[in-house]
C-alpha atoms as a PDB file:
ATOM      1  CA  MET A   1     -24.849 -15.826  91.894  1.00  0.00           C
ATOM      2  CA  TRP A   2     -28.569 -15.123  91.913  1.00  0.00           C
ATOM      3  CA  ASN A   3     -28.656 -15.222  95.690  1.00  0.00           C
ATOM      4  CA  TRP A   4     -25.855 -12.603  95.788  1.00  0.00           C
ATOM      5  CA  LEU A   5     -27.715 -10.396  93.291  1.00  0.00           C
ATOM      6  CA  HIS A   6     -30.962 -10.620  95.262  1.00  0.00           C
ATOM      7  CA  LYS A   7     -29.049  -9.804  98.416  1.00  0.00           C
ATOM      8  CA  LEU A   8     -27.478  -6.775  96.713  1.00  0.00           C
ATOM      9  CA  GLY A   9     -30.944  -5.763  95.581  1.00  0.00           C
ATOM     10  CA  SER A  10     -32.017  -5.380  99.186  1.00  0.00           C
ATOM     11  CA  PRO A  11     -31.627  -1.716 100.339  1.00  0.00           C
ATOM     12  CA  LYS A  12     -30.337  -2.825 103.722  1.00  0.00           C
ATOM     13  CA  SER A  13     -27.741  -5.173 102.239  1.00  0.00           C
ATOM     14  CA  PHE A  14     -26.661  -2.645  99.660  1.00  0.00           C
ATOM     15  CA  PHE A  15     -26.184  -0.051 102.352  1.00  0.00           C
ATOM     16  CA  ALA A  16     -23.892  -2.375 104.302  1.00  0.00           C
ATOM     17  CA  ILE A  17     -21.900  -3.522 101.238  1.00  0.00           C
ATOM     18  CA  SER A  18     -21.469   0.010  99.860  1.00  0.00           C
ATOM     19  CA  GLU A  19     -20.283   1.240 103.234  1.00  0.00           C
ATOM     20  CA  ARG A  20     -17.294  -1.111 102.937  1.00  0.00           C
ATOM     21  CA  LEU A  21     -16.654  -0.362  99.263  1.00  0.00           C
ATOM     22  CA  LEU A  22     -16.914   3.421  99.332  1.00  0.00           C
ATOM     23  CA  PRO A  23     -13.611   4.204 101.066  1.00  0.00           C
ATOM     24  CA  TRP A  24     -11.720   1.954  98.613  1.00  0.00           C
ATOM     25  CA  PHE A  25     -13.440   3.343  95.552  1.00  0.00           C
ATOM     26  CA  GLY A  26     -12.988   6.911  96.681  1.00  0.00           C
ATOM     27  CA  THR A  27      -9.293   6.417  97.460  1.00  0.00           C
ATOM     28  CA  LEU A  28      -8.626   4.660  94.162  1.00  0.00           C
ATOM     29  CA  ALA A  29     -10.469   7.380  92.250  1.00  0.00           C
ATOM     30  CA  LEU A  30      -8.349  10.075  93.845  1.00  0.00           C
ATOM     31  CA  LEU A  31      -5.132   8.092  93.235  1.00  0.00           C
ATOM     32  CA  PHE A  32      -5.783   7.253  89.566  1.00  0.00           C
ATOM     33  CA  LEU A  33      -7.142  10.694  88.690  1.00  0.00           C
ATOM     34  CA  SER A  34      -4.288  12.513  90.434  1.00  0.00           C
ATOM     35  CA  VAL A  35      -1.564  10.456  88.762  1.00  0.00           C
ATOM     36  CA  GLY A  36      -3.296  10.454  85.385  1.00  0.00           C
ATOM     37  CA  ILE A  37      -3.941  14.171  85.185  1.00  0.00           C
ATOM     38  CA  VAL A  38      -0.458  15.196  86.369  1.00  0.00           C
ATOM     39  CA  TRP A  39       1.180  12.751  83.992  1.00  0.00           C
ATOM     40  CA  GLY A  40      -1.053  13.658  81.079  1.00  0.00           C
ATOM     41  CA  LEU A  41      -0.890  17.417  81.435  1.00  0.00           C
ATOM     42  CA  LEU A  42       2.716  17.868  82.567  1.00  0.00           C
ATOM     43  CA  PHE A  43       4.837  14.887  81.425  1.00  0.00           C
ATOM     44  CA  ALA A  44       3.143  13.277  78.425  1.00  0.00           C
ATOM     45  CA  PRO A  45       4.730  14.329  75.087  1.00  0.00           C
ATOM     46  CA  PRO A  46       2.748  16.703  72.847  1.00  0.00           C
ATOM     47  CA  ASP A  47       0.933  15.223  69.893  1.00  0.00           C
ATOM     48  CA  TYR A  48       2.997  15.290  66.687  1.00  0.00           C
ATOM     49  CA  GLN A  49       0.137  16.989  64.811  1.00  0.00           C
ATOM     50  CA  GLN A  50      -1.954  18.827  67.386  1.00  0.00           C
ATOM     51  CA  GLY A  51       0.749  19.750  69.852  1.00  0.00           C
ATOM     52  CA  ASP A  52      -0.295  20.571  73.418  1.00  0.00           C
ATOM     53  CA  THR A  53      -3.895  21.085  72.317  1.00  0.00           C
ATOM     54  CA  ALA A  54      -4.360  17.309  72.345  1.00  0.00           C
ATOM     55  CA  ARG A  55      -3.843  17.206  76.131  1.00  0.00           C
ATOM     56  CA  ILE A  56      -7.508  17.939  76.600  1.00  0.00           C
ATOM     57  CA  MET A  57      -8.123  14.306  75.549  1.00  0.00           C
ATOM     58  CA  PHE A  58      -7.064  13.263  79.090  1.00  0.00           C
ATOM     59  CA  VAL A  59     -10.413  14.699  80.238  1.00  0.00           C
ATOM     60  CA  HIS A  60     -12.498  14.498  77.107  1.00  0.00           C
ATOM     61  CA  VAL A  61     -11.925  10.841  76.263  1.00  0.00           C
ATOM     62  CA  PRO A  62     -12.649   9.443  79.795  1.00  0.00           C
ATOM     63  CA  ALA A  63     -15.748  11.700  80.067  1.00  0.00           C
ATOM     64  CA  SER A  64     -17.001  10.435  76.699  1.00  0.00           C
ATOM     65  CA  ILE A  65     -16.436   6.789  77.616  1.00  0.00           C
ATOM     66  CA  LEU A  66     -18.106   7.191  80.994  1.00  0.00           C
ATOM     67  CA  ALA A  67     -21.031   9.081  79.470  1.00  0.00           C
ATOM     68  CA  GLN A  68     -21.848   6.041  77.356  1.00  0.00           C
ATOM     69  CA  SER A  69     -21.012   3.517  80.101  1.00  0.00           C
ATOM     70  CA  SER A  70     -23.191   5.319  82.623  1.00  0.00           C
ATOM     71  CA  TYR A  71     -26.130   5.222  80.240  1.00  0.00           C
ATOM     72  CA  MET A  72     -25.572   1.496  79.705  1.00  0.00           C
ATOM     73  CA  MET A  73     -25.561   0.906  83.441  1.00  0.00           C
ATOM     74  CA  MET A  74     -28.627   3.082  83.914  1.00  0.00           C
ATOM     75  CA  ALA A  75     -30.513   1.223  81.174  1.00  0.00           C
ATOM     76  CA  SER A  76     -29.411  -2.119  82.637  1.00  0.00           C
ATOM     77  CA  ALA A  77     -30.908  -1.038  85.966  1.00  0.00           C
ATOM     78  CA  GLY A  78     -34.082  -0.205  84.031  1.00  0.00           C
ATOM     79  CA  VAL A  79     -34.217  -3.699  82.575  1.00  0.00           C
ATOM     80  CA  VAL A  80     -33.793  -5.251  86.001  1.00  0.00           C
ATOM     81  CA  PHE A  81     -36.600  -3.102  87.373  1.00  0.00           C
ATOM     82  CA  LEU A  82     -38.970  -3.862  84.523  1.00  0.00           C
ATOM     83  CA  VAL A  83     -38.338  -7.618  84.577  1.00  0.00           C
ATOM     84  CA  TRP A  84     -37.795  -8.378  88.291  1.00  0.00           C
ATOM     85  CA  ARG A  85     -39.319  -5.284  89.954  1.00  0.00           C
ATOM     86  CA  ILE A  86     -36.298  -4.893  92.226  1.00  0.00           C
ATOM     87  CA  LYS A  87     -36.812  -1.628  94.025  1.00  0.00           C
ATOM     88  CA  LEU A  88     -33.093  -0.783  94.312  1.00  0.00           C
ATOM     89  CA  ALA A  89     -32.700  -0.996  90.512  1.00  0.00           C
ATOM     90  CA  GLU A  90     -35.183   1.850  90.052  1.00  0.00           C
ATOM     91  CA  ILE A  91     -33.291   3.876  92.683  1.00  0.00           C
ATOM     92  CA  ALA A  92     -29.992   3.146  90.876  1.00  0.00           C
ATOM     93  CA  LEU A  93     -31.489   4.336  87.574  1.00  0.00           C
ATOM     94  CA  GLN A  94     -32.670   7.620  89.039  1.00  0.00           C
ATOM     95  CA  CYS A  95     -29.350   8.241  90.806  1.00  0.00           C
ATOM     96  CA  ALA A  96     -27.262   7.512  87.704  1.00  0.00           C
ATOM     97  CA  ALA A  97     -29.081   9.979  85.456  1.00  0.00           C
ATOM     98  CA  PRO A  98     -27.686  13.234  86.926  1.00  0.00           C
ATOM     99  CA  ILE A  99     -24.140  11.825  87.009  1.00  0.00           C
ATOM    100  CA  GLY A 100     -24.422  10.626  83.418  1.00  0.00           C
ATOM    101  CA  ALA A 101     -25.836  13.980  82.294  1.00  0.00           C
ATOM    102  CA  SER A 102     -22.901  15.794  83.954  1.00  0.00           C
ATOM    103  CA  LEU A 103     -20.345  13.534  82.278  1.00  0.00           C
ATOM    104  CA  THR A 104     -22.014  13.937  78.892  1.00  0.00           C
ATOM    105  CA  PHE A 105     -22.053  17.693  79.318  1.00  0.00           C
ATOM    106  CA  LEU A 106     -18.355  17.627  80.226  1.00  0.00           C
ATOM    107  CA  ALA A 107     -17.633  15.539  77.131  1.00  0.00           C
ATOM    108  CA  LEU A 108     -19.554  17.995  74.930  1.00  0.00           C
ATOM    109  CA  VAL A 109     -17.809  21.056  76.406  1.00  0.00           C
ATOM    110  CA  THR A 110     -14.297  19.626  76.238  1.00  0.00           C
ATOM    111  CA  GLY A 111     -15.011  18.352  72.727  1.00  0.00           C
ATOM    112  CA  SER A 112     -16.038  21.838  71.675  1.00  0.00           C
ATOM    113  CA  ILE A 113     -12.898  23.334  73.194  1.00  0.00           C
ATOM    114  CA  TRP A 114     -10.815  20.732  71.398  1.00  0.00           C
ATOM    115  CA  GLY A 115     -12.687  21.232  68.145  1.00  0.00           C
ATOM    116  CA  LYS A 116     -12.196  25.040  67.986  1.00  0.00           C
ATOM    117  CA  PRO A 117      -8.455  24.964  67.107  1.00  0.00           C
ATOM    118  CA  MET A 118      -8.799  21.760  65.048  1.00  0.00           C
ATOM    119  CA  TRP A 119     -11.922  22.602  63.007  1.00  0.00           C
ATOM    120  CA  GLY A 120     -12.049  26.364  63.350  1.00  0.00           C
ATOM    121  CA  THR A 121     -15.470  26.273  65.027  1.00  0.00           C
ATOM    122  CA  TRP A 122     -16.920  25.372  68.396  1.00  0.00           C
ATOM    123  CA  TRP A 123     -19.631  23.109  66.985  1.00  0.00           C
ATOM    124  CA  VAL A 124     -20.470  21.220  63.848  1.00  0.00           C
ATOM    125  CA  TRP A 125     -23.429  18.922  63.294  1.00  0.00           C
ATOM    126  CA  ASP A 126     -21.070  15.970  63.117  1.00  0.00           C
ATOM    127  CA  ALA A 127     -22.625  12.519  63.607  1.00  0.00           C
ATOM    128  CA  ARG A 128     -20.571  11.775  66.734  1.00  0.00           C
ATOM    129  CA  LEU A 129     -21.283  15.194  68.286  1.00  0.00           C
ATOM    130  CA  THR A 130     -24.964  15.124  67.394  1.00  0.00           C
ATOM    131  CA  SER A 131     -25.530  11.629  68.773  1.00  0.00           C
ATOM    132  CA  THR A 132     -23.691  12.593  71.964  1.00  0.00           C
ATOM    133  CA  LEU A 133     -25.973  15.618  72.277  1.00  0.00           C
ATOM    134  CA  VAL A 134     -28.939  13.247  71.879  1.00  0.00           C
ATOM    135  CA  LEU A 135     -27.451  11.203  74.748  1.00  0.00           C
ATOM    136  CA  PHE A 136     -27.409  14.310  76.902  1.00  0.00           C
ATOM    137  CA  PHE A 137     -31.068  14.988  76.073  1.00  0.00           C
ATOM    138  CA  LEU A 138     -31.925  11.388  76.995  1.00  0.00           C
ATOM    139  CA  PHE A 139     -30.370  11.807  80.417  1.00  0.00           C
ATOM    140  CA  MET A 140     -32.193  15.102  80.904  1.00  0.00           C
ATOM    141  CA  GLY A 141     -35.445  13.585  79.667  1.00  0.00           C
ATOM    142  CA  ILE A 142     -35.233  10.816  82.270  1.00  0.00           C
ATOM    143  CA  ILE A 143     -34.546  13.391  85.000  1.00  0.00           C
ATOM    144  CA  ALA A 144     -37.483  15.585  83.826  1.00  0.00           C
ATOM    145  CA  LEU A 145     -39.839  12.595  83.465  1.00  0.00           C
ATOM    146  CA  ARG A 146     -39.094  11.403  86.984  1.00  0.00           C
ATOM    147  CA  SER A 147     -39.619  14.890  88.391  1.00  0.00           C
ATOM    148  CA  ALA A 148     -42.940  15.311  86.532  1.00  0.00           C
ATOM    149  CA  MET A 149     -44.547  12.123  87.817  1.00  0.00           C
ATOM    150  CA  GLU A 150     -45.713  11.956  91.429  1.00  0.00           C
ATOM    151  CA  ASN A 151     -46.499   8.205  91.476  1.00  0.00           C
ATOM    152  CA  ARG A 152     -43.181   6.482  92.183  1.00  0.00           C
ATOM    153  CA  ALA A 153     -44.108   3.140  90.578  1.00  0.00           C
ATOM    154  CA  SER A 154     -45.386   4.729  87.390  1.00  0.00           C
ATOM    155  CA  ALA A 155     -42.335   6.995  87.220  1.00  0.00           C
ATOM    156  CA  GLY A 156     -40.054   3.948  87.652  1.00  0.00           C
ATOM    157  CA  ARG A 157     -41.705   2.131  84.754  1.00  0.00           C
ATOM    158  CA  ALA A 158     -41.731   5.177  82.498  1.00  0.00           C
ATOM    159  CA  THR A 159     -38.110   6.151  83.089  1.00  0.00           C
ATOM    160  CA  SER A 160     -36.991   2.532  82.733  1.00  0.00           C
ATOM    161  CA  LEU A 161     -38.716   2.224  79.370  1.00  0.00           C
ATOM    162  CA  LEU A 162     -37.182   5.489  78.169  1.00  0.00           C
ATOM    163  CA  ALA A 163     -33.742   4.373  79.302  1.00  0.00           C
ATOM    164  CA  VAL A 164     -34.031   1.042  77.499  1.00  0.00           C
ATOM    165  CA  VAL A 165     -35.371   2.604  74.294  1.00  0.00           C
ATOM    166  CA  GLY A 166     -32.469   5.097  74.355  1.00  0.00           C
ATOM    167  CA  LEU A 167     -29.949   2.278  74.127  1.00  0.00           C
ATOM    168  CA  VAL A 168     -30.340   2.442  70.367  1.00  0.00           C
ATOM    169  CA  ASN A 169     -28.317   5.652  70.430  1.00  0.00           C
ATOM    170  CA  LEU A 170     -25.169   4.022  71.859  1.00  0.00           C
ATOM    171  CA  PRO A 171     -24.176   2.096  68.724  1.00  0.00           C
ATOM    172  CA  ILE A 172     -24.660   5.258  66.728  1.00  0.00           C
ATOM    173  CA  ILE A 173     -22.236   7.116  68.987  1.00  0.00           C
ATOM    174  CA  LYS A 174     -19.745   4.273  68.898  1.00  0.00           C
ATOM    175  CA  PHE A 175     -19.708   3.561  65.144  1.00  0.00           C
ATOM    176  CA  SER A 176     -20.703   6.961  63.739  1.00  0.00           C
ATOM    177  CA  VAL A 177     -17.153   7.753  62.642  1.00  0.00           C
ATOM    178  CA  ASP A 178     -17.065   4.432  60.749  1.00  0.00           C
ATOM    179  CA  TRP A 179     -20.554   4.619  59.234  1.00  0.00           C
ATOM    180  CA  TRP A 180     -20.365   8.242  58.012  1.00  0.00           C
ATOM    181  CA  ASN A 181     -17.634  10.535  56.745  1.00  0.00           C
ATOM    182  CA  THR A 182     -17.361  12.808  59.763  1.00  0.00           C
ATOM    183  CA  LEU A 183     -14.936  15.409  61.034  1.00  0.00           C
ATOM    184  CA  HIS A 184     -14.562  13.610  64.315  1.00  0.00           C
ATOM    185  CA  GLN A 185     -11.424  11.489  64.548  1.00  0.00           C
ATOM    186  CA  SER A 186     -11.598   7.786  65.222  1.00  0.00           C
ATOM    187  CA  SER A 187     -11.420   6.459  68.760  1.00  0.00           C
ATOM    188  CA  SER A 188      -8.291   7.534  70.661  1.00  0.00           C
ATOM    189  CA  PHE A 189      -8.589   4.757  73.192  1.00  0.00           C
ATOM    190  CA  SER A 190      -9.498   1.072  72.877  1.00  0.00           C
ATOM    191  CA  LEU A 191      -8.976  -1.968  75.071  1.00  0.00           C
ATOM    192  CA  THR A 192      -9.325  -4.407  72.116  1.00  0.00           C
ATOM    193  CA  GLN A 193      -6.882  -2.873  69.662  1.00  0.00           C
ATOM    194  CA  LYS A 194      -3.230  -1.938  69.726  1.00  0.00           C
ATOM    195  CA  PRO A 195      -2.795   1.675  70.866  1.00  0.00           C
ATOM    196  CA  ALA A 196      -2.244   4.176  68.048  1.00  0.00           C
ATOM    197  CA  MET A 197      -0.235   6.440  70.358  1.00  0.00           C
ATOM    198  CA  PRO A 198       2.994   6.005  72.371  1.00  0.00           C
ATOM    199  CA  ILE A 199       2.721   4.438  75.789  1.00  0.00           C
ATOM    200  CA  GLU A 200       3.750   7.791  77.361  1.00  0.00           C
ATOM    201  CA  MET A 201       0.374   9.123  76.197  1.00  0.00           C
ATOM    202  CA  TRP A 202      -1.690   5.960  76.238  1.00  0.00           C
ATOM    203  CA  PHE A 203      -0.913   4.873  79.779  1.00  0.00           C
ATOM    204  CA  PRO A 204      -1.942   8.138  81.579  1.00  0.00           C
ATOM    205  CA  LEU A 205      -5.085   8.116  79.442  1.00  0.00           C
ATOM    206  CA  LEU A 206      -5.793   4.581  80.735  1.00  0.00           C
ATOM    207  CA  LEU A 207      -5.247   5.793  84.313  1.00  0.00           C
ATOM    208  CA  MET A 208      -7.725   8.593  83.738  1.00  0.00           C
ATOM    209  CA  VAL A 209     -10.356   6.235  82.344  1.00  0.00           C
ATOM    210  CA  ILE A 210      -9.973   3.893  85.342  1.00  0.00           C
ATOM    211  CA  GLY A 211     -10.087   6.876  87.670  1.00  0.00           C
ATOM    212  CA  PHE A 212     -13.273   8.164  86.083  1.00  0.00           C
ATOM    213  CA  TYR A 213     -14.890   4.724  86.545  1.00  0.00           C
ATOM    214  CA  PHE A 214     -13.959   4.671  90.240  1.00  0.00           C
ATOM    215  CA  PHE A 215     -15.215   8.243  90.603  1.00  0.00           C
ATOM    216  CA  PHE A 216     -18.517   7.373  88.919  1.00  0.00           C
ATOM    217  CA  PHE A 217     -19.153   4.357  91.126  1.00  0.00           C
ATOM    218  CA  SER A 218     -18.215   6.331  94.226  1.00  0.00           C
ATOM    219  CA  VAL A 219     -20.671   9.133  93.502  1.00  0.00           C
ATOM    220  CA  TRP A 220     -23.310   6.673  92.312  1.00  0.00           C
ATOM    221  CA  MET A 221     -23.135   4.661  95.535  1.00  0.00           C
ATOM    222  CA  MET A 222     -23.310   7.830  97.647  1.00  0.00           C
ATOM    223  CA  ARG A 223     -26.397   9.017  95.793  1.00  0.00           C
ATOM    224  CA  ILE A 224     -28.057   5.628  96.081  1.00  0.00           C
ATOM    225  CA  ARG A 225     -27.307   5.483  99.817  1.00  0.00           C
ATOM    226  CA  THR A 226     -28.877   8.902 100.308  1.00  0.00           C
ATOM    227  CA  GLU A 227     -31.981   7.966  98.350  1.00  0.00           C
ATOM    228  CA  VAL A 228     -32.275   4.657 100.216  1.00  0.00           C
ATOM    229  CA  LEU A 229     -32.241   6.473 103.563  1.00  0.00           C
ATOM    230  CA  ILE A 230     -34.917   8.867 102.366  1.00  0.00           C
ATOM    231  CA  ARG A 231     -37.209   6.120 101.063  1.00  0.00           C
ATOM    232  CA  GLU A 232     -36.573   3.676 103.941  1.00  0.00           C
ATOM    233  CA  ARG A 233     -36.614   6.265 106.747  1.00  0.00           C
ATOM    234  CA  ARG A 234     -39.512   4.510 108.486  1.00  0.00           C
ATOM    235  CA  ALA A 235     -37.848   1.089 108.359  1.00  0.00           C
ATOM    236  CA  ASP A 236     -36.505  -0.337 111.638  1.00  0.00           C
ATOM    237  CA  TRP A 237     -32.978  -0.838 110.297  1.00  0.00           C
ATOM    238  CA  VAL A 238     -32.736   2.845 109.282  1.00  0.00           C
ATOM    239  CA  LYS A 239     -33.941   3.952 112.706  1.00  0.00           C
ATOM    240  CA  ARG A 240     -31.329   1.710 114.360  1.00  0.00           C
ATOM    241  CA  LEU A 241     -28.655   3.060 112.026  1.00  0.00           C
ATOM    242  CA  VAL A 242     -29.529   6.656 112.801  1.00  0.00           C
ATOM    243  CA  LEU A 243     -29.532   5.915 116.529  1.00  0.00           C
ATOM    244  CA  THR A 244     -26.110   4.247 116.288  1.00  0.00           C
ATOM    245  CA  MET A 245     -24.671   7.196 114.379  1.00  0.00           C
ATOM    246  CA  LYS A 246     -26.142   9.600 116.942  1.00  0.00           C
ATOM    247  CA  ASN A 247     -24.563   7.635 119.797  1.00  0.00           C
ATOM    248  CA  LYS A 248     -21.144   7.627 118.103  1.00  0.00           C
ATOM    249  CA  ARG A 249     -21.353  11.372 117.550  1.00  0.00           C
ATOM    250  CA  ASP A 250     -22.347  11.985 121.167  1.00  0.00           C
ATOM    251  CA  MET A 251     -19.447   9.808 122.385  1.00  0.00           C
ATOM    252  CA  LYS A 252     -17.032  11.679 120.112  1.00  0.00           C
ATOM    253  CA  HIS A 253     -18.202  15.051 121.466  1.00  0.00           C
ATOM    254  CA  ALA A 254     -17.985  13.783 125.046  1.00  0.00           C
ATOM    255  CA  VAL A 255     -14.329  12.816 124.499  1.00  0.00           C
END
C-alpha cells in the first residue's frame, strides 16, 4: 500500500496513471450528469410542498456535498505535504482550491435562488449558509496566500497549515442544522440513512452526486497534470514526452 502511495506521489508516475484514468472519469462524469440532470429536471415528480422549485436541489445538493468533500481532500493533501513532504501533495492542494471555490460559489448561488421563494429573501445569516460562506473564504484565502508568496516551499507550508486549520469549519457546516434552530432544512441526501424522499427523486440525485465526484476528479487531475508539466519542464521524462507528442502530431499531419 505504502509503495503504491509513494509511486503515486511521483509526478512521473502520477502523469502516467492519470492518463489512463482521465478518459474513464470524464466519460462517467458526462454519463452520470447527463442522465441525472435530465431525469431530475424533466421526469422526477415535483415536491409535495415546494413543487417544481425543489428541482434546483439536483444541482445545489451535489455542489454542496462536493464543496465540503473537495476541502477535505485538499486538507488531506496538506497533511501529506506537511508530514511526508511529498511534492505532488502540495501541487494537488493548490489545484483543488480553485475547483472547490467554484463548487462552493455554485452551492451558495443555487442556495440563494432556492431560498428566495422558500424564505422570501435571497440571503439570511443562517448557520449553514454562514459556515458555507466561510468555506468559500477559506478556499479564496488559500488561493490568495499562494499567489502572494514567491517562495514555493514556504507557500506550500503556509497553505497546507491554513487548509488543515480550516477543517474545523466542516463539522459546523455538517451539523449546524442540528446544533442550532436554523431556517435551513435538514440534509436532503444521506448514504447512511433511509431516504426521506421517493426513489424517483432520490435516485437521480444520487446520480448527480456521483457525476459531480467524477467531474471533480477529472478536472483535478487535468489541473495537476498541467502544473506537473510546468514544474517538471526541465526533467528528462517531460522532454521525452513532449518530443513523443510532437512526433505523433507531425505523423498525423503527414497522413
